[in-house]
N, C-alpha and C. Protein backbone atom coordinates (compact mmCIF):
# COMPACT_ATOMS: atom_id res chain seq x y z
N MET A 1 -134.29 -18.01 122.96
CA MET A 1 -135.42 -17.00 122.79
C MET A 1 -136.60 -17.57 121.87
N ILE A 2 -136.20 -18.49 121.24
CA ILE A 2 -137.49 -19.23 120.59
C ILE A 2 -138.26 -20.03 121.28
N PHE A 3 -137.34 -20.74 122.60
CA PHE A 3 -138.32 -21.22 123.37
C PHE A 3 -139.36 -20.69 124.30
N ILE A 4 -138.76 -19.52 124.57
CA ILE A 4 -139.73 -18.61 125.51
C ILE A 4 -141.01 -17.96 124.66
N LEU A 5 -140.71 -17.76 123.42
CA LEU A 5 -141.69 -17.35 122.30
C LEU A 5 -142.49 -18.32 122.09
N MET A 6 -142.12 -19.58 122.02
CA MET A 6 -143.06 -20.50 121.59
C MET A 6 -143.62 -21.17 123.02
N GLY A 7 -143.14 -20.61 124.11
CA GLY A 7 -143.89 -21.33 125.17
C GLY A 7 -144.70 -20.87 125.72
N GLY A 8 -145.41 -20.08 125.14
CA GLY A 8 -146.96 -19.67 125.43
C GLY A 8 -146.73 -18.44 126.34
N LEU A 9 -145.87 -17.81 126.43
CA LEU A 9 -145.73 -16.47 127.75
C LEU A 9 -146.27 -15.40 127.03
N TYR A 10 -145.99 -15.22 125.76
CA TYR A 10 -146.53 -13.92 125.32
C TYR A 10 -147.52 -14.01 124.27
N THR A 11 -147.59 -15.24 123.67
CA THR A 11 -148.97 -15.56 122.79
C THR A 11 -149.32 -17.09 123.14
N SER A 12 -150.69 -16.87 123.06
CA SER A 12 -151.41 -17.92 123.51
C SER A 12 -151.18 -19.41 122.55
N ILE A 13 -150.92 -20.64 123.05
CA ILE A 13 -150.28 -21.34 122.43
C ILE A 13 -151.79 -21.95 121.44
N ASP A 14 -153.00 -21.69 121.82
CA ASP A 14 -154.42 -22.15 120.94
C ASP A 14 -154.16 -21.12 119.95
N SER A 15 -153.62 -19.79 120.06
CA SER A 15 -153.73 -19.24 118.53
C SER A 15 -152.59 -19.23 117.71
N MET A 16 -151.87 -20.34 118.17
CA MET A 16 -150.60 -20.45 116.99
C MET A 16 -151.12 -21.59 116.00
N PRO A 17 -150.64 -21.65 114.81
CA PRO A 17 -150.76 -22.75 113.82
C PRO A 17 -150.63 -23.97 114.44
N GLN A 18 -151.30 -25.21 113.91
CA GLN A 18 -151.36 -26.37 114.40
C GLN A 18 -149.80 -27.08 114.51
N TRP A 19 -149.08 -26.77 113.42
CA TRP A 19 -147.77 -27.19 113.45
C TRP A 19 -147.04 -26.39 114.47
N ALA A 20 -147.10 -25.17 114.87
CA ALA A 20 -146.45 -24.83 115.79
C ALA A 20 -146.91 -25.39 117.35
N GLN A 21 -148.27 -25.69 117.42
CA GLN A 21 -148.88 -26.35 118.65
C GLN A 21 -148.03 -27.73 118.85
N VAL A 22 -147.51 -28.48 117.94
CA VAL A 22 -147.08 -29.57 118.12
C VAL A 22 -145.62 -29.35 118.46
N ILE A 23 -145.02 -28.53 117.98
CA ILE A 23 -143.60 -28.16 118.39
C ILE A 23 -143.46 -27.97 120.16
N THR A 24 -144.66 -27.06 120.08
CA THR A 24 -144.59 -26.71 121.82
C THR A 24 -144.53 -27.90 122.69
N TRP A 25 -145.06 -29.07 122.19
CA TRP A 25 -145.19 -30.24 123.28
C TRP A 25 -143.85 -30.55 123.36
N PHE A 26 -142.69 -30.07 122.60
CA PHE A 26 -141.31 -30.89 123.06
C PHE A 26 -140.56 -29.74 123.69
N ASN A 27 -141.25 -28.60 123.97
CA ASN A 27 -140.77 -27.37 124.53
C ASN A 27 -140.90 -27.50 126.11
N PRO A 28 -139.86 -27.58 126.97
CA PRO A 28 -139.90 -27.50 128.36
C PRO A 28 -140.28 -26.40 129.09
N VAL A 29 -140.05 -25.14 128.04
CA VAL A 29 -140.38 -23.91 129.02
C VAL A 29 -141.89 -23.92 129.14
N LYS A 30 -142.89 -24.53 127.78
CA LYS A 30 -144.00 -24.58 127.85
C LYS A 30 -144.88 -25.21 129.30
N TYR A 31 -144.10 -26.18 129.60
CA TYR A 31 -144.41 -26.89 131.08
C TYR A 31 -144.25 -26.16 132.30
N PHE A 32 -143.12 -25.47 132.14
CA PHE A 32 -142.68 -24.42 133.41
C PHE A 32 -143.82 -23.36 133.27
N ILE A 33 -143.97 -22.80 132.37
CA ILE A 33 -144.98 -21.43 132.15
C ILE A 33 -146.27 -21.96 132.90
N GLU A 34 -146.70 -23.30 132.36
CA GLU A 34 -148.03 -23.60 132.66
C GLU A 34 -148.18 -23.81 134.09
N VAL A 35 -146.99 -24.27 134.79
CA VAL A 35 -146.88 -24.33 136.39
C VAL A 35 -146.72 -23.24 137.01
N MET A 36 -146.05 -22.29 136.69
CA MET A 36 -146.24 -20.95 136.91
C MET A 36 -147.52 -20.36 137.20
N ARG A 37 -148.23 -20.32 135.85
CA ARG A 37 -149.76 -19.66 135.77
C ARG A 37 -150.61 -20.56 136.80
N MET A 38 -150.39 -21.77 136.87
CA MET A 38 -151.33 -22.45 137.53
C MET A 38 -151.27 -22.24 139.09
N ILE A 39 -149.81 -21.95 139.40
CA ILE A 39 -149.52 -21.56 141.00
C ILE A 39 -150.06 -20.22 141.12
N VAL A 40 -149.68 -19.35 140.66
CA VAL A 40 -149.96 -17.71 140.69
C VAL A 40 -151.43 -17.63 140.67
N MET A 41 -151.86 -17.93 139.39
CA MET A 41 -153.20 -17.27 139.23
C MET A 41 -154.36 -18.36 139.54
N LYS A 42 -153.96 -19.63 139.71
CA LYS A 42 -155.46 -20.78 140.28
C LYS A 42 -154.88 -21.25 141.60
N ASP A 43 -153.90 -20.60 142.35
CA ASP A 43 -153.56 -21.38 143.68
C ASP A 43 -153.95 -23.06 143.48
N SER A 44 -153.05 -23.35 142.66
CA SER A 44 -153.13 -25.04 142.28
C SER A 44 -152.28 -25.68 143.24
N SER A 45 -152.45 -26.92 143.61
CA SER A 45 -151.97 -27.91 144.42
C SER A 45 -150.77 -28.50 143.86
N LEU A 46 -150.19 -29.49 144.56
CA LEU A 46 -149.19 -30.17 143.91
C LEU A 46 -149.79 -31.35 143.07
N ALA A 47 -150.88 -31.86 143.47
CA ALA A 47 -151.53 -32.72 142.59
C ALA A 47 -152.06 -32.01 141.25
N ASP A 48 -152.43 -30.68 141.27
CA ASP A 48 -153.02 -30.23 139.79
C ASP A 48 -151.61 -30.00 139.17
N ILE A 49 -150.53 -29.84 139.77
CA ILE A 49 -149.56 -29.52 138.78
C ILE A 49 -148.16 -30.85 138.65
N SER A 50 -148.80 -31.82 138.79
CA SER A 50 -148.09 -33.01 139.25
C SER A 50 -147.69 -33.43 137.67
N HIS A 51 -148.41 -33.48 136.82
CA HIS A 51 -148.55 -33.96 135.20
C HIS A 51 -147.38 -33.15 134.61
N ASN A 52 -147.37 -31.84 134.97
CA ASN A 52 -146.41 -30.91 134.19
C ASN A 52 -144.89 -31.32 134.90
N LEU A 53 -144.97 -31.49 136.24
CA LEU A 53 -143.77 -31.65 136.65
C LEU A 53 -143.45 -32.99 136.29
N LEU A 54 -144.02 -33.82 136.09
CA LEU A 54 -143.38 -35.46 135.61
C LEU A 54 -142.99 -34.99 134.31
N VAL A 55 -143.54 -34.55 133.30
CA VAL A 55 -143.01 -34.19 132.08
C VAL A 55 -141.87 -33.44 131.94
N ILE A 56 -141.43 -32.43 132.95
CA ILE A 56 -140.37 -31.46 133.11
C ILE A 56 -139.43 -32.54 133.52
N GLY A 57 -139.65 -33.45 134.56
CA GLY A 57 -138.70 -34.26 135.14
C GLY A 57 -138.31 -35.48 134.14
N ILE A 58 -139.19 -36.00 133.35
CA ILE A 58 -138.64 -37.05 132.04
C ILE A 58 -137.73 -36.19 130.93
N MET A 59 -138.22 -34.88 130.70
CA MET A 59 -137.43 -34.11 129.79
C MET A 59 -136.17 -33.89 130.33
N ALA A 60 -135.98 -33.78 131.67
CA ALA A 60 -134.53 -33.55 132.29
C ALA A 60 -133.86 -34.58 132.25
N VAL A 61 -134.28 -35.98 132.46
CA VAL A 61 -133.43 -37.23 132.28
C VAL A 61 -133.27 -37.59 131.00
N VAL A 62 -134.15 -37.34 130.12
CA VAL A 62 -133.92 -37.81 128.42
C VAL A 62 -132.68 -36.81 128.05
N PHE A 63 -132.82 -35.61 128.38
CA PHE A 63 -131.85 -34.64 127.80
C PHE A 63 -130.44 -34.74 128.54
N ASN A 64 -130.51 -35.07 129.58
CA ASN A 64 -129.15 -34.90 130.52
C ASN A 64 -128.49 -36.36 129.78
N THR A 65 -129.15 -37.44 129.76
CA THR A 65 -128.79 -38.65 129.46
C THR A 65 -127.95 -38.67 128.16
N TRP A 66 -128.91 -37.87 127.20
CA TRP A 66 -128.27 -37.67 125.78
C TRP A 66 -127.25 -36.76 125.60
N ALA A 67 -127.09 -35.86 126.43
CA ALA A 67 -125.80 -34.85 126.53
C ALA A 67 -124.60 -35.83 127.14
N VAL A 68 -124.77 -36.80 128.06
CA VAL A 68 -123.64 -37.39 128.83
C VAL A 68 -123.34 -38.32 127.69
N LEU A 69 -124.17 -38.88 126.83
CA LEU A 69 -123.81 -40.04 126.00
C LEU A 69 -123.00 -39.40 124.83
N LEU A 70 -123.52 -38.47 124.38
CA LEU A 70 -122.71 -37.59 123.44
C LEU A 70 -121.26 -36.80 123.59
N TYR A 71 -121.25 -36.72 125.00
CA TYR A 71 -119.87 -36.06 125.53
C TYR A 71 -118.96 -37.17 125.57
N ARG A 72 -119.16 -38.43 125.42
CA ARG A 72 -118.11 -39.49 125.97
C ARG A 72 -117.05 -38.99 125.01
N LYS A 73 -115.54 -39.37 125.46
CA LYS A 73 -114.40 -39.24 124.74
C LYS A 73 -114.57 -40.20 123.65
N ARG A 74 -113.98 -39.87 122.53
CA ARG A 74 -113.90 -40.70 121.62
C ARG A 74 -112.49 -40.83 121.07
N VAL A 75 -112.25 -42.32 120.76
CA VAL A 75 -110.49 -42.60 120.41
C VAL A 75 -110.52 -42.15 118.84
């Protein structure tokens, strides 16, 4: 729930305190919400949303790799 609240869906990220804005840089929901807004409201093309998709893709690879490494069975 905190990711949705800090993702900028209900409140503007610009109106958050500076420390909260820094935390949202590591929130993948923020980038997804930005993509949805750009597509729906601005009719953006793939070139316009490519930066956000790249960030989401990098986060997916990093978090999934981290999860696999932590899940390894230990003796």
